[in-house]
Amino acid sequence: MRRELVASFGIVVGLLMICVPAFAHHGGSDYDTIHLKTLKGTVTEFLWENPHCQVFFDVNEVKAGNAVHWGIETLAPGVLKRAGWSPKTLQPGDQITVTFAPSRKGTPVGLIRKVILPDGTMLTGGSIAGSDPIPIE
């Protein structure tokens, strides 16, 4: 009986160790989805990778006269692909206009809503299967 109890306990602990990280995914509560921000800047890097792609770009601040480096989170590559994106959509040096939900903490990060590419093409941030696209307001 004791052996079965120890084995059962070991299985439960093992399953918890495997399953708990699945619940660690973050939500969008860090972002102000009501007061969207739109900035023009120069792409420095575009990471096409799971779990979220990332857009990094520099924006010249008129008042301070220096560049601010922004990091914008997107959805997963598969979601962006369905919205018309590819790993080659953004290249370093591209001049883009990005609309995003900014961080509530005031840091230069955000969650993408839409981007206007150098050729004038507008892409949304995509949508999760079965839901409407992320609003671009």
C-alpha atoms as a PDB file:
ATOM      1  CA  MET A   1       0.000   0.000   0.000  1.00  0.00           C
ATOM      2  CA  ARG A   2       2.755   2.447   0.935  1.00  0.00           C
ATOM      3  CA  ARG A   3       4.611   1.689  -2.304  1.00  0.00           C
ATOM      4  CA  GLU A   4       1.474   2.472  -4.366  1.00  0.00           C
ATOM      5  CA  LEU A   5       0.945   5.720  -2.465  1.00  0.00           C
ATOM      6  CA  VAL A   6       4.539   6.843  -3.100  1.00  0.00           C
ATOM      7  CA  ALA A   7       4.277   5.886  -6.789  1.00  0.00           C
ATOM      8  CA  SER A   8       0.991   7.804  -7.149  1.00  0.00           C
ATOM      9  CA  PHE A   9       2.492  10.844  -5.439  1.00  0.00           C
ATOM     10  CA  GLY A  10       5.496  10.674  -7.782  1.00  0.00           C
ATOM     11  CA  ILE A  11       3.254  10.560 -10.837  1.00  0.00           C
ATOM     12  CA  VAL A  12       1.204  13.546  -9.645  1.00  0.00           C
ATOM     13  CA  VAL A  13       4.338  15.601  -8.935  1.00  0.00           C
ATOM     14  CA  GLY A  14       5.775  14.652 -12.326  1.00  0.00           C
ATOM     15  CA  LEU A  15       2.615  15.689 -14.155  1.00  0.00           C
ATOM     16  CA  LEU A  16       2.512  18.995 -12.294  1.00  0.00           C
ATOM     17  CA  MET A  17       6.110  19.724 -13.243  1.00  0.00           C
ATOM     18  CA  ILE A  18       5.263  19.153 -16.888  1.00  0.00           C
ATOM     19  CA  CYS A  19       1.860  20.888 -16.969  1.00  0.00           C
ATOM     20  CA  VAL A  20       2.363  23.991 -14.820  1.00  0.00           C
ATOM     21  CA  PRO A  21       4.549  25.828 -17.391  1.00  0.00           C
ATOM     22  CA  ALA A  22       1.628  25.648 -19.818  1.00  0.00           C
ATOM     23  CA  PHE A  23      -0.282  28.012 -17.515  1.00  0.00           C
ATOM     24  CA  ALA A  24       2.574  30.522 -17.360  1.00  0.00           C
ATOM     25  CA  HIS A  25       1.635  32.292 -20.596  1.00  0.00           C
ATOM     26  CA  HIS A  26       1.024  35.993 -20.047  1.00  0.00           C
ATOM     27  CA  GLY A  27      -2.000  38.029 -21.037  1.00  0.00           C
ATOM     28  CA  GLY A  28      -2.306  41.499 -22.473  1.00  0.00           C
ATOM     29  CA  SER A  29      -3.015  43.287 -19.205  1.00  0.00           C
ATOM     30  CA  ASP A  30       0.352  45.077 -19.362  1.00  0.00           C
ATOM     31  CA  TYR A  31      -0.868  47.036 -22.388  1.00  0.00           C
ATOM     32  CA  ASP A  32      -3.221  50.015 -22.601  1.00  0.00           C
ATOM     33  CA  THR A  33      -5.631  48.822 -25.295  1.00  0.00           C
ATOM     34  CA  ILE A  34      -7.810  51.932 -24.941  1.00  0.00           C
ATOM     35  CA  HIS A  35      -5.194  54.613 -25.689  1.00  0.00           C
ATOM     36  CA  LEU A  36      -3.398  53.336 -28.790  1.00  0.00           C
ATOM     37  CA  LYS A  37      -0.203  55.013 -29.946  1.00  0.00           C
ATOM     38  CA  THR A  38       1.037  55.525 -33.519  1.00  0.00           C
ATOM     39  CA  LEU A  39       4.725  56.139 -34.242  1.00  0.00           C
ATOM     40  CA  LYS A  40       6.909  56.385 -37.338  1.00  0.00           C
ATOM     41  CA  GLY A  41      10.324  54.852 -37.127  1.00  0.00           C
ATOM     42  CA  THR A  42      13.128  52.808 -38.651  1.00  0.00           C
ATOM     43  CA  VAL A  43      13.157  49.019 -38.266  1.00  0.00           C
ATOM     44  CA  THR A  44      16.274  47.750 -36.509  1.00  0.00           C
ATOM     45  CA  GLU A  45      15.254  44.091 -36.189  1.00  0.00           C
ATOM     46  CA  PHE A  46      12.329  41.766 -36.931  1.00  0.00           C
ATOM     47  CA  LEU A  47      12.291  38.426 -35.118  1.00  0.00           C
ATOM     48  CA  TRP A  48      10.080  35.746 -36.696  1.00  0.00           C
ATOM     49  CA  GLU A  49       9.928  33.180 -33.899  1.00  0.00           C
ATOM     50  CA  ASN A  50       7.595  31.472 -31.451  1.00  0.00           C
ATOM     51  CA  PRO A  51       5.827  32.194 -29.238  1.00  0.00           C
ATOM     52  CA  HIS A  52       5.589  35.807 -30.505  1.00  0.00           C
ATOM     53  CA  CYS A  53       7.305  37.695 -33.288  1.00  0.00           C
ATOM     54  CA  GLN A  54       8.968  40.957 -32.286  1.00  0.00           C
ATOM     55  CA  VAL A  55       9.406  44.252 -34.141  1.00  0.00           C
ATOM     56  CA  PHE A  56      12.182  46.558 -32.963  1.00  0.00           C
ATOM     57  CA  PHE A  57      12.415  50.074 -34.333  1.00  0.00           C
ATOM     58  CA  ASP A  58      13.941  53.451 -33.519  1.00  0.00           C
ATOM     59  CA  VAL A  59      11.897  56.641 -33.258  1.00  0.00           C
ATOM     60  CA  ASN A  60      13.578  60.051 -33.250  1.00  0.00           C
ATOM     61  CA  GLU A  61      12.234  62.211 -30.440  1.00  0.00           C
ATOM     62  CA  VAL A  62      11.898  65.797 -31.586  1.00  0.00           C
ATOM     63  CA  LYS A  63      12.163  67.319 -28.087  1.00  0.00           C
ATOM     64  CA  ALA A  64      15.166  65.333 -26.872  1.00  0.00           C
ATOM     65  CA  GLY A  65      16.854  64.978 -30.270  1.00  0.00           C
ATOM     66  CA  ASN A  66      17.712  61.332 -29.709  1.00  0.00           C
ATOM     67  CA  ALA A  67      16.336  57.967 -30.839  1.00  0.00           C
ATOM     68  CA  VAL A  68      14.133  55.822 -28.620  1.00  0.00           C
ATOM     69  CA  HIS A  69      14.370  52.069 -29.244  1.00  0.00           C
ATOM     70  CA  TRP A  70      10.898  50.462 -29.219  1.00  0.00           C
ATOM     71  CA  GLY A  71      10.040  46.771 -28.935  1.00  0.00           C
ATOM     72  CA  ILE A  72       6.621  45.728 -30.201  1.00  0.00           C
ATOM     73  CA  GLU A  73       5.195  42.281 -29.534  1.00  0.00           C
ATOM     74  CA  THR A  74       3.020  40.531 -32.112  1.00  0.00           C
ATOM     75  CA  LEU A  75       1.124  37.263 -32.167  1.00  0.00           C
ATOM     76  CA  ALA A  76       2.659  33.936 -33.240  1.00  0.00           C
ATOM     77  CA  PRO A  77       4.226  33.509 -36.701  1.00  0.00           C
ATOM     78  CA  GLY A  78       1.346  31.295 -37.876  1.00  0.00           C
ATOM     79  CA  VAL A  79      -1.183  33.981 -36.983  1.00  0.00           C
ATOM     80  CA  LEU A  80       0.840  36.690 -38.730  1.00  0.00           C
ATOM     81  CA  LYS A  81       1.247  34.501 -41.816  1.00  0.00           C
ATOM     82  CA  ARG A  82      -2.541  34.224 -42.114  1.00  0.00           C
ATOM     83  CA  ALA A  83      -2.695  38.047 -41.883  1.00  0.00           C
ATOM     84  CA  GLY A  84      -0.283  38.431 -44.825  1.00  0.00           C
ATOM     85  CA  TRP A  85       3.068  38.661 -43.038  1.00  0.00           C
ATOM     86  CA  SER A  86       6.230  36.678 -43.808  1.00  0.00           C
ATOM     87  CA  PRO A  87       9.707  36.481 -42.279  1.00  0.00           C
ATOM     88  CA  LYS A  88      10.791  39.030 -44.922  1.00  0.00           C
ATOM     89  CA  THR A  89       7.977  41.555 -44.310  1.00  0.00           C
ATOM     90  CA  LEU A  90      10.211  43.902 -42.321  1.00  0.00           C
ATOM     91  CA  GLN A  91      13.888  44.535 -42.973  1.00  0.00           C
ATOM     92  CA  PRO A  92      16.365  46.665 -41.018  1.00  0.00           C
ATOM     93  CA  GLY A  93      16.248  50.200 -42.385  1.00  0.00           C
ATOM     94  CA  ASP A  94      12.570  50.048 -43.434  1.00  0.00           C
ATOM     95  CA  GLN A  95      10.596  53.182 -42.555  1.00  0.00           C
ATOM     96  CA  ILE A  96       7.307  52.056 -40.974  1.00  0.00           C
ATOM     97  CA  THR A  97       4.323  53.482 -39.134  1.00  0.00           C
ATOM     98  CA  VAL A  98       3.154  51.297 -36.249  1.00  0.00           C
ATOM     99  CA  THR A  99      -0.077  51.538 -34.260  1.00  0.00           C
ATOM    100  CA  PHE A 100       0.081  49.634 -30.991  1.00  0.00           C
ATOM    101  CA  ALA A 101      -1.195  49.344 -27.455  1.00  0.00           C
ATOM    102  CA  PRO A 102       1.568  50.883 -25.319  1.00  0.00           C
ATOM    103  CA  SER A 103       2.835  49.556 -22.020  1.00  0.00           C
ATOM    104  CA  ARG A 104       0.946  50.773 -18.970  1.00  0.00           C
ATOM    105  CA  LYS A 105       4.324  51.180 -17.248  1.00  0.00           C
ATOM    106  CA  GLY A 106       5.521  53.846 -19.700  1.00  0.00           C
ATOM    107  CA  THR A 107       8.357  51.720 -21.075  1.00  0.00           C
ATOM    108  CA  PRO A 108       9.006  51.728 -24.844  1.00  0.00           C
ATOM    109  CA  VAL A 109       7.187  48.451 -25.541  1.00  0.00           C
ATOM    110  CA  GLY A 110       3.775  47.597 -26.885  1.00  0.00           C
ATOM    111  CA  LEU A 111       1.393  45.133 -28.514  1.00  0.00           C
ATOM    112  CA  ILE A 112       0.911  45.611 -32.260  1.00  0.00           C
ATOM    113  CA  ARG A 113      -2.397  46.564 -33.842  1.00  0.00           C
ATOM    114  CA  LYS A 114      -1.289  47.507 -37.360  1.00  0.00           C
ATOM    115  CA  VAL A 115       1.756  48.490 -39.366  1.00  0.00           C
ATOM    116  CA  ILE A 116       2.072  50.522 -42.547  1.00  0.00           C
ATOM    117  CA  LEU A 117       4.963  49.276 -44.666  1.00  0.00           C
ATOM    118  CA  PRO A 118       7.290  51.478 -46.747  1.00  0.00           C
ATOM    119  CA  ASP A 119       5.194  50.783 -49.886  1.00  0.00           C
ATOM    120  CA  GLY A 120       1.992  51.916 -48.126  1.00  0.00           C
ATOM    121  CA  THR A 121       0.623  48.408 -47.508  1.00  0.00           C
ATOM    122  CA  MET A 122      -1.231  48.110 -44.202  1.00  0.00           C
ATOM    123  CA  LEU A 123      -1.069  44.853 -42.253  1.00  0.00           C
ATOM    124  CA  THR A 124      -2.974  44.112 -39.064  1.00  0.00           C
ATOM    125  CA  GLY A 125      -1.502  42.302 -36.106  1.00  0.00           C
ATOM    126  CA  GLY A 126      -3.497  39.217 -37.090  1.00  0.00           C
ATOM    127  CA  SER A 127      -6.161  37.299 -35.253  1.00  0.00           C
ATOM    128  CA  ILE A 128      -6.427  34.150 -33.214  1.00  0.00           C
ATOM    129  CA  ALA A 129      -8.264  31.284 -34.963  1.00  0.00           C
ATOM    130  CA  GLY A 130     -11.990  31.825 -34.904  1.00  0.00           C
ATOM    131  CA  SER A 131     -11.838  35.374 -33.539  1.00  0.00           C
ATOM    132  CA  ASP A 132     -11.981  38.768 -35.133  1.00  0.00           C
ATOM    133  CA  PRO A 133      -8.722  40.462 -36.089  1.00  0.00           C
ATOM    134  CA  ILE A 134      -7.073  42.547 -33.391  1.00  0.00           C
ATOM    135  CA  PRO A 135      -8.940  45.880 -33.553  1.00  0.00           C
ATOM    136  CA  ILE A 136      -7.033  48.619 -35.358  1.00  0.00           C
ATOM    137  CA  GLU A 137      -9.287  51.480 -34.222  1.00  0.00           C
END
